[in-house]
C-alpha atoms as a PDB file:
ATOM      1  CA  MET A   1     115.195  82.323  88.285  1.00  0.00           C
ATOM      2  CA  ARG A   2     113.708  82.014  91.770  1.00  0.00           C
ATOM      3  CA  CYS A   3     110.287  83.431  92.531  1.00  0.00           C
ATOM      4  CA  ASP A   4     107.443  82.992  94.985  1.00  0.00           C
ATOM      5  CA  ARG A   5     104.678  82.083  92.577  1.00  0.00           C
ATOM      6  CA  VAL A   6     104.102  81.379  88.889  1.00  0.00           C
ATOM      7  CA  TRP A   7     100.847  81.304  86.953  1.00  0.00           C
ATOM      8  CA  ILE A   8     101.014  79.285  83.730  1.00  0.00           C
ATOM      9  CA  LYS A   9      98.679  78.570  80.789  1.00  0.00           C
ATOM     10  CA  ALA A  10      96.844  81.846  81.338  1.00  0.00           C
ATOM     11  CA  ARG A  11      95.169  84.191  78.887  1.00  0.00           C
ATOM     12  CA  LEU A  12      96.735  87.536  79.710  1.00  0.00           C
ATOM     13  CA  ALA A  13      95.022  90.830  78.979  1.00  0.00           C
ATOM     14  CA  THR A  14      98.162  92.960  78.906  1.00  0.00           C
ATOM     15  CA  LEU A  15      96.516  96.140  77.552  1.00  0.00           C
ATOM     16  CA  ALA A  16      99.862  96.856  75.925  1.00  0.00           C
ATOM     17  CA  GLU A  17      99.804 100.062  73.883  1.00  0.00           C
ATOM     18  CA  THR A  18     101.630  98.371  71.021  1.00  0.00           C
ATOM     19  CA  ALA A  19      99.086  95.541  70.730  1.00  0.00           C
ATOM     20  CA  PRO A  20      95.529  95.647  69.339  1.00  0.00           C
ATOM     21  CA  GLY A  21      92.489  95.343  71.589  1.00  0.00           C
ATOM     22  CA  LEU A  22      93.259  93.940  75.004  1.00  0.00           C
ATOM     23  CA  GLY A  23      96.766  92.925  74.026  1.00  0.00           C
ATOM     24  CA  VAL A  24      95.902  89.280  74.614  1.00  0.00           C
ATOM     25  CA  VAL A  25      98.613  86.688  75.210  1.00  0.00           C
ATOM     26  CA  GLU A  26      97.016  83.273  74.750  1.00  0.00           C
ATOM     27  CA  ASP A  27      99.614  81.070  76.459  1.00  0.00           C
ATOM     28  CA  GLY A  28     100.773  83.451  79.128  1.00  0.00           C
ATOM     29  CA  VAL A  29     102.970  83.247  82.179  1.00  0.00           C
ATOM     30  CA  ILE A  30     103.189  85.540  85.188  1.00  0.00           C
ATOM     31  CA  ALA A  31     105.902  85.225  87.826  1.00  0.00           C
ATOM     32  CA  ALA A  32     105.967  87.170  91.093  1.00  0.00           C
ATOM     33  CA  LYS A  33     108.378  87.636  93.973  1.00  0.00           C
ATOM     34  CA  ASP A  34     107.974  89.685  97.145  1.00  0.00           C
ATOM     35  CA  GLY A  35     104.689  91.077  95.879  1.00  0.00           C
ATOM     36  CA  ARG A  36     106.120  92.305  92.585  1.00  0.00           C
ATOM     37  CA  ILE A  37     105.713  90.922  89.071  1.00  0.00           C
ATOM     38  CA  LEU A  38     108.984  89.659  87.623  1.00  0.00           C
ATOM     39  CA  TYR A  39     107.598  88.583  84.269  1.00  0.00           C
ATOM     40  CA  ALA A  40     104.326  88.749  82.366  1.00  0.00           C
ATOM     41  CA  GLY A  41     104.226  87.517  78.800  1.00  0.00           C
ATOM     42  CA  PRO A  42     104.162  84.519  76.485  1.00  0.00           C
ATOM     43  CA  ALA A  43     105.393  81.188  77.764  1.00  0.00           C
ATOM     44  CA  SER A  44     107.706  80.922  74.774  1.00  0.00           C
ATOM     45  CA  ASP A  45     109.719  83.932  75.984  1.00  0.00           C
ATOM     46  CA  ALA A  46     109.617  83.184  79.710  1.00  0.00           C
ATOM     47  CA  PRO A  47     112.831  82.309  81.546  1.00  0.00           C
ATOM     48  CA  ALA A  48     112.987  79.148  83.609  1.00  0.00           C
ATOM     49  CA  PHE A  49     111.435  79.878  86.996  1.00  0.00           C
ATOM     50  CA  GLU A  50     111.916  78.002  90.261  1.00  0.00           C
ATOM     51  CA  ALA A  51     108.701  78.777  92.094  1.00  0.00           C
ATOM     52  CA  ALA A  52     107.478  77.906  95.557  1.00  0.00           C
ATOM     53  CA  GLU A  53     103.977  77.658  94.101  1.00  0.00           C
ATOM     54  CA  THR A  54     102.768  77.118  90.538  1.00  0.00           C
ATOM     55  CA  THR A  55      99.174  77.625  89.423  1.00  0.00           C
ATOM     56  CA  ASP A  56      97.858  76.143  86.184  1.00  0.00           C
ATOM     57  CA  CYS A  57      95.214  78.614  85.007  1.00  0.00           C
ATOM     58  CA  GLU A  58      93.897  76.204  82.360  1.00  0.00           C
ATOM     59  CA  GLY A  59      93.211  79.042  79.939  1.00  0.00           C
ATOM     60  CA  ARG A  60      91.533  81.365  82.435  1.00  0.00           C
ATOM     61  CA  TRP A  61      91.924  85.129  82.149  1.00  0.00           C
ATOM     62  CA  ILE A  62      94.352  87.234  84.150  1.00  0.00           C
ATOM     63  CA  THR A  63      93.862  90.980  83.804  1.00  0.00           C
ATOM     64  CA  PRO A  64      95.459  94.033  85.377  1.00  0.00           C
ATOM     65  CA  GLY A  65      93.869  95.095  88.644  1.00  0.00           C
ATOM     66  CA  LEU A  66      90.427  96.594  88.054  1.00  0.00           C
ATOM     67  CA  ILE A  67      89.674 100.264  88.712  1.00  0.00           C
ATOM     68  CA  ASP A  68      86.289 101.598  89.817  1.00  0.00           C
ATOM     69  CA  PRO A  69      86.467 105.328  89.005  1.00  0.00           C
ATOM     70  CA  HIS A  70      83.076 106.373  90.437  1.00  0.00           C
ATOM     71  CA  THR A  71      81.667 105.158  93.750  1.00  0.00           C
ATOM     72  CA  HIS A  72      79.645 106.493  96.661  1.00  0.00           C
ATOM     73  CA  LEU A  73      80.968 103.914  99.113  1.00  0.00           C
ATOM     74  CA  ILE A  74      80.710 106.053 102.270  1.00  0.00           C
ATOM     75  CA  PHE A  75      77.153 106.574 103.477  1.00  0.00           C
ATOM     76  CA  GLY A  76      74.810 105.850 106.341  1.00  0.00           C
ATOM     77  CA  GLY A  77      71.485 104.031 106.244  1.00  0.00           C
ATOM     78  CA  ASP A  78      69.879 102.713 103.081  1.00  0.00           C
ATOM     79  CA  ARG A  79      67.140 103.588 100.607  1.00  0.00           C
ATOM     80  CA  ALA A  80      65.452 100.207 100.366  1.00  0.00           C
ATOM     81  CA  HIS A  81      62.004 101.752 100.726  1.00  0.00           C
ATOM     82  CA  GLU A  82      62.666 103.921  97.671  1.00  0.00           C
ATOM     83  CA  PHE A  83      62.901 100.843  95.463  1.00  0.00           C
ATOM     84  CA  GLU A  84      59.192 100.307  96.075  1.00  0.00           C
ATOM     85  CA  LEU A  85      58.504 103.876  94.996  1.00  0.00           C
ATOM     86  CA  ARG A  86      60.560 103.379  91.834  1.00  0.00           C
ATOM     87  CA  LEU A  87      58.725 100.138  91.074  1.00  0.00           C
ATOM     88  CA  ALA A  88      55.452 102.012  91.519  1.00  0.00           C
ATOM     89  CA  GLY A  89      56.532 104.504  88.868  1.00  0.00           C
ATOM     90  CA  ALA A  90      58.071 107.363  90.842  1.00  0.00           C
ATOM     91  CA  SER A  91      61.089 108.948  89.178  1.00  0.00           C
ATOM     92  CA  TYR A  92      64.427 109.647  90.841  1.00  0.00           C
ATOM     93  CA  GLU A  93      63.677 113.358  90.602  1.00  0.00           C
ATOM     94  CA  GLU A  94      60.215 112.996  92.172  1.00  0.00           C
ATOM     95  CA  ILE A  95      61.655 111.057  95.097  1.00  0.00           C
ATOM     96  CA  ALA A  96      64.400 113.624  95.592  1.00  0.00           C
ATOM     97  CA  ARG A  97      61.986 116.562  95.544  1.00  0.00           C
ATOM     98  CA  ALA A  98      59.886 114.781  98.189  1.00  0.00           C
ATOM     99  CA  GLY A  99      62.852 114.689 100.557  1.00  0.00           C
ATOM    100  CA  GLY A 100      64.240 111.287  99.636  1.00  0.00           C
ATOM    101  CA  GLY A 101      67.311 110.346  97.663  1.00  0.00           C
ATOM    102  CA  ILE A 102      70.475 112.184  98.608  1.00  0.00           C
ATOM    103  CA  VAL A 103      68.902 114.134 101.475  1.00  0.00           C
ATOM    104  CA  SER A 104      67.514 110.939 102.998  1.00  0.00           C
ATOM    105  CA  THR A 105      70.986 109.418 103.003  1.00  0.00           C
ATOM    106  CA  MET A 106      72.403 112.685 104.355  1.00  0.00           C
ATOM    107  CA  LYS A 107      70.358 112.360 107.532  1.00  0.00           C
ATOM    108  CA  ALA A 108      71.637 108.847 108.231  1.00  0.00           C
ATOM    109  CA  THR A 109      75.209 109.808 107.359  1.00  0.00           C
ATOM    110  CA  ARG A 110      75.173 112.746 109.749  1.00  0.00           C
ATOM    111  CA  GLU A 111      73.956 110.482 112.543  1.00  0.00           C
ATOM    112  CA  ALA A 112      76.716 107.924 111.942  1.00  0.00           C
ATOM    113  CA  SER A 113      80.161 108.116 113.517  1.00  0.00           C
ATOM    114  CA  GLN A 114      83.292 107.935 111.403  1.00  0.00           C
ATOM    115  CA  ASP A 115      84.008 104.453 112.748  1.00  0.00           C
ATOM    116  CA  HIS A 116      80.491 103.348 111.821  1.00  0.00           C
ATOM    117  CA  LEU A 117      80.870 104.679 108.280  1.00  0.00           C
ATOM    118  CA  VAL A 118      84.144 102.789 107.879  1.00  0.00           C
ATOM    119  CA  ALA A 119      82.673  99.578 109.291  1.00  0.00           C
ATOM    120  CA  ALA A 120      79.668  99.832 106.971  1.00  0.00           C
ATOM    121  CA  ALA A 121      81.829 100.488 103.914  1.00  0.00           C
ATOM    122  CA  LEU A 122      84.342  97.679 104.432  1.00  0.00           C
ATOM    123  CA  PRO A 123      81.997  94.816 103.392  1.00  0.00           C
ATOM    124  CA  ARG A 124      81.138  96.746 100.222  1.00  0.00           C
ATOM    125  CA  LEU A 125      84.826  97.240  99.537  1.00  0.00           C
ATOM    126  CA  ASP A 126      85.574  93.580 100.257  1.00  0.00           C
ATOM    127  CA  THR A 127      83.012  92.552  97.638  1.00  0.00           C
ATOM    128  CA  LEU A 128      84.754  94.702  95.048  1.00  0.00           C
ATOM    129  CA  ILE A 129      88.194  93.410  96.026  1.00  0.00           C
ATOM    130  CA  ALA A 130      86.944  89.848  95.572  1.00  0.00           C
ATOM    131  CA  GLU A 131      85.976  90.797  92.009  1.00  0.00           C
ATOM    132  CA  GLY A 132      89.497  91.991  91.201  1.00  0.00           C
ATOM    133  CA  LEU A 133      89.437  95.635  92.204  1.00  0.00           C
ATOM    134  CA  THR A 134      92.774  97.197  93.170  1.00  0.00           C
ATOM    135  CA  THR A 135      92.006 100.928  92.841  1.00  0.00           C
ATOM    136  CA  ILE A 136      88.808 102.720  93.808  1.00  0.00           C
ATOM    137  CA  GLU A 137      87.520 106.279  93.783  1.00  0.00           C
ATOM    138  CA  VAL A 138      85.319 107.148  96.770  1.00  0.00           C
ATOM    139  CA  LYS A 139      83.198 110.297  96.929  1.00  0.00           C
ATOM    140  CA  SER A 140      81.835 112.203  99.880  1.00  0.00           C
ATOM    141  CA  GLY A 141      78.586 114.069  99.318  1.00  0.00           C
ATOM    142  CA  TYR A 142      76.226 112.672 101.938  1.00  0.00           C
ATOM    143  CA  GLY A 143      77.343 114.890 104.819  1.00  0.00           C
ATOM    144  CA  LEU A 144      76.544 118.257 103.208  1.00  0.00           C
ATOM    145  CA  SER A 145      78.047 120.208 106.105  1.00  0.00           C
ATOM    146  CA  LEU A 146      81.640 121.037 106.951  1.00  0.00           C
ATOM    147  CA  GLU A 147      81.749 118.627 109.891  1.00  0.00           C
ATOM    148  CA  HIS A 148      80.141 115.700 108.141  1.00  0.00           C
ATOM    149  CA  GLU A 149      81.873 116.093 104.781  1.00  0.00           C
ATOM    150  CA  LEU A 150      85.235 116.041 106.562  1.00  0.00           C
ATOM    151  CA  LYS A 151      84.090 112.997 108.535  1.00  0.00           C
ATOM    152  CA  SER A 152      83.117 111.193 105.341  1.00  0.00           C
ATOM    153  CA  LEU A 153      86.422 111.927 103.631  1.00  0.00           C
ATOM    154  CA  ARG A 154      88.379 110.804 106.683  1.00  0.00           C
ATOM    155  CA  ALA A 155      86.383 107.575 106.631  1.00  0.00           C
ATOM    156  CA  ALA A 156      87.223 107.105 102.959  1.00  0.00           C
ATOM    157  CA  ARG A 157      90.924 107.656 103.636  1.00  0.00           C
ATOM    158  CA  ALA A 158      90.733 105.078 106.447  1.00  0.00           C
ATOM    159  CA  LEU A 159      89.651 102.399 103.969  1.00  0.00           C
ATOM    160  CA  ALA A 160      93.092 102.473 102.358  1.00  0.00           C
ATOM    161  CA  LYS A 161      94.672 101.677 105.720  1.00  0.00           C
ATOM    162  CA  ALA A 162      92.279  98.801 106.347  1.00  0.00           C
ATOM    163  CA  ARG A 163      92.556  97.040 102.989  1.00  0.00           C
ATOM    164  CA  PRO A 164      95.303  96.486 100.362  1.00  0.00           C
ATOM    165  CA  VAL A 165      93.790  98.818  97.771  1.00  0.00           C
ATOM    166  CA  SER A 166      94.543 102.256  96.385  1.00  0.00           C
ATOM    167  CA  VAL A 167      91.784 104.700  97.406  1.00  0.00           C
ATOM    168  CA  LYS A 168      91.330 108.029  95.618  1.00  0.00           C
ATOM    169  CA  THR A 169      88.948 110.395  97.382  1.00  0.00           C
ATOM    170  CA  THR A 170      86.680 113.008  95.817  1.00  0.00           C
ATOM    171  CA  PHE A 171      85.000 115.880  97.661  1.00  0.00           C
ATOM    172  CA  LEU A 172      81.377 116.172  96.512  1.00  0.00           C
ATOM    173  CA  GLY A 173      80.039 118.814  98.846  1.00  0.00           C
ATOM    174  CA  ALA A 174      77.991 120.291  95.980  1.00  0.00           C
ATOM    175  CA  HIS A 175      75.892 117.135  95.738  1.00  0.00           C
ATOM    176  CA  ALA A 176      72.525 118.421  96.966  1.00  0.00           C
ATOM    177  CA  LEU A 177      71.067 121.299  98.935  1.00  0.00           C
ATOM    178  CA  PRO A 178      70.759 120.395 102.642  1.00  0.00           C
ATOM    179  CA  PRO A 179      67.444 121.286 104.318  1.00  0.00           C
ATOM    180  CA  GLU A 180      68.986 124.044 106.442  1.00  0.00           C
ATOM    181  CA  TYR A 181      69.830 125.916 103.217  1.00  0.00           C
ATOM    182  CA  LYS A 182      66.443 125.464 101.560  1.00  0.00           C
ATOM    183  CA  GLY A 183      65.869 128.365  99.173  1.00  0.00           C
ATOM    184  CA  ASP A 184      69.465 129.556  99.489  1.00  0.00           C
ATOM    185  CA  ALA A 185      71.570 127.508  97.093  1.00  0.00           C
ATOM    186  CA  ASP A 186      74.005 130.380  96.597  1.00  0.00           C
ATOM    187  CA  GLY A 187      74.509 130.563 100.351  1.00  0.00           C
ATOM    188  CA  TYR A 188      75.332 126.881 100.469  1.00  0.00           C
ATOM    189  CA  ILE A 189      77.795 127.254  97.601  1.00  0.00           C
ATOM    190  CA  ASP A 190      79.400 130.048  99.647  1.00  0.00           C
ATOM    191  CA  LEU A 191      79.901 127.492 102.427  1.00  0.00           C
ATOM    192  CA  VAL A 192      81.364 124.951 100.003  1.00  0.00           C
ATOM    193  CA  CYS A 193      83.783 127.480  98.521  1.00  0.00           C
ATOM    194  CA  ASN A 194      84.720 129.510 101.586  1.00  0.00           C
ATOM    195  CA  GLN A 195      84.917 126.802 104.241  1.00  0.00           C
ATOM    196  CA  MET A 196      84.638 123.260 102.940  1.00  0.00           C
ATOM    197  CA  ILE A 197      87.161 123.237 100.098  1.00  0.00           C
ATOM    198  CA  PRO A 198      89.834 125.141 102.059  1.00  0.00           C
ATOM    199  CA  ALA A 199      89.446 122.733 105.002  1.00  0.00           C
ATOM    200  CA  VAL A 200      89.517 119.674 102.750  1.00  0.00           C
ATOM    201  CA  ALA A 201      92.623 120.939 100.972  1.00  0.00           C
ATOM    202  CA  ALA A 202      94.390 121.905 104.199  1.00  0.00           C
ATOM    203  CA  GLU A 203      93.940 118.397 105.597  1.00  0.00           C
ATOM    204  CA  GLY A 204      94.795 116.705 102.301  1.00  0.00           C
ATOM    205  CA  LEU A 205      91.556 114.746 102.317  1.00  0.00           C
ATOM    206  CA  ALA A 206      90.660 114.864  98.620  1.00  0.00           C
ATOM    207  CA  ASP A 207      92.337 114.050  95.335  1.00  0.00           C
ATOM    208  CA  ALA A 208      89.638 115.852  93.321  1.00  0.00           C
ATOM    209  CA  VAL A 209      86.426 117.879  93.587  1.00  0.00           C
ATOM    210  CA  ASP A 210      83.094 116.901  92.022  1.00  0.00           C
ATOM    211  CA  GLY A 211      79.776 118.698  91.550  1.00  0.00           C
ATOM    212  CA  PHE A 212      76.158 117.776  90.758  1.00  0.00           C
ATOM    213  CA  CYS A 213      74.959 120.045  87.949  1.00  0.00           C
ATOM    214  CA  GLU A 214      71.274 119.193  87.539  1.00  0.00           C
ATOM    215  CA  GLY A 215      67.844 120.734  87.949  1.00  0.00           C
ATOM    216  CA  ILE A 216      67.607 119.125  91.391  1.00  0.00           C
ATOM    217  CA  GLY A 217      71.219 120.012  92.132  1.00  0.00           C
ATOM    218  CA  PHE A 218      73.131 123.153  91.218  1.00  0.00           C
ATOM    219  CA  SER A 219      73.353 125.461  88.225  1.00  0.00           C
ATOM    220  CA  PRO A 220      76.357 125.676  85.895  1.00  0.00           C
ATOM    221  CA  ALA A 221      77.217 129.073  87.396  1.00  0.00           C
ATOM    222  CA  GLN A 222      77.211 127.656  90.914  1.00  0.00           C
ATOM    223  CA  ILE A 223      79.312 124.642  89.961  1.00  0.00           C
ATOM    224  CA  ARG A 224      81.700 126.943  88.098  1.00  0.00           C
ATOM    225  CA  ARG A 225      82.348 128.745  91.395  1.00  0.00           C
ATOM    226  CA  VAL A 226      83.065 125.423  93.084  1.00  0.00           C
ATOM    227  CA  PHE A 227      85.467 124.380  90.353  1.00  0.00           C
ATOM    228  CA  GLU A 228      87.295 127.708  90.314  1.00  0.00           C
ATOM    229  CA  THR A 229      87.803 127.393  94.068  1.00  0.00           C
ATOM    230  CA  ALA A 230      88.979 123.806  93.692  1.00  0.00           C
ATOM    231  CA  ARG A 231      91.539 124.746  91.072  1.00  0.00           C
ATOM    232  CA  ALA A 232      92.749 127.622  93.248  1.00  0.00           C
ATOM    233  CA  HIS A 233      93.547 124.997  95.888  1.00  0.00           C
ATOM    234  CA  GLY A 234      95.319 122.744  93.400  1.00  0.00           C
ATOM    235  CA  LEU A 235      92.532 120.176  93.113  1.00  0.00           C
ATOM    236  CA  PRO A 236      91.370 118.734  89.758  1.00  0.00           C
ATOM    237  CA  VAL A 237      87.646 118.592  89.044  1.00  0.00           C
ATOM    238  CA  LYS A 238      85.040 116.175  87.708  1.00  0.00           C
ATOM    239  CA  LEU A 239      81.321 116.535  87.097  1.00  0.00           C
ATOM    240  CA  HIS A 240      77.922 114.873  87.437  1.00  0.00           C
ATOM    241  CA  ALA A 241      75.816 116.404  84.644  1.00  0.00           C
ATOM    242  CA  GLU A 242      73.132 115.806  82.004  1.00  0.00           C
ATOM    243  CA  GLN A 243      71.681 112.744  83.750  1.00  0.00           C
ATOM    244  CA  LEU A 244      68.284 114.184  84.612  1.00  0.00           C
ATOM    245  CA  SER A 245      68.241 117.584  82.912  1.00  0.00           C
ATOM    246  CA  ASN A 246      69.944 119.532  80.155  1.00  0.00           C
ATOM    247  CA  LEU A 247      71.526 122.569  81.766  1.00  0.00           C
ATOM    248  CA  HIS A 248      74.520 122.523  79.425  1.00  0.00           C
ATOM    249  CA  GLY A 249      76.656 121.784  82.452  1.00  0.00           C
ATOM    250  CA  ALA A 250      78.961 119.487  80.545  1.00  0.00           C
END
């Protein structure tokens, strides 16, 4: 059988449902043609392949493409100075309440163009690809306004066009309270539900909706409103909860 490439003497982690654990094949073979796998299994069962290129893996592992299901890959600026605060004993919550954390990144993200956000994210994505990643989830959540959340999600969608990976995007508008809504969390949730989610859904920018249910974030009742709106627009939901506080959000 003709193929483009064959890998031999590999340890395959097949993750087959009918096999225990990782479904390991100790003396494995993989054959591929035109970017598709023709065979993956034990050498003893493999047909005879005529390959343009053969790689002897010498017992190394080959696994299915890796999936990172939770990333915040799109953002502006950095929080390097906050590492010093953490090393000095400040907690994540203390830094956030002082105007750092998410809100600090929000300011830099709002200042950045969509092209800049994409350019900044690509090296991070390339690092993950080099480690075997083939599918990644990317959240918004650092724009915290209609304009900048849409910009962030468009940037995330652009990553899939720039690299050979599957990108799943998540709208996380309910990530933190932006300064212009200080003291009016319900008003901000109104914005998320009445403007942001409908716009995100109309443009097809998100595969899911997330929320940050914490003492420094939003209450279970507020996140429930977000999730009900998401479901009304046909979007599944996921949740950040119980990391810093116990609001029974989960």
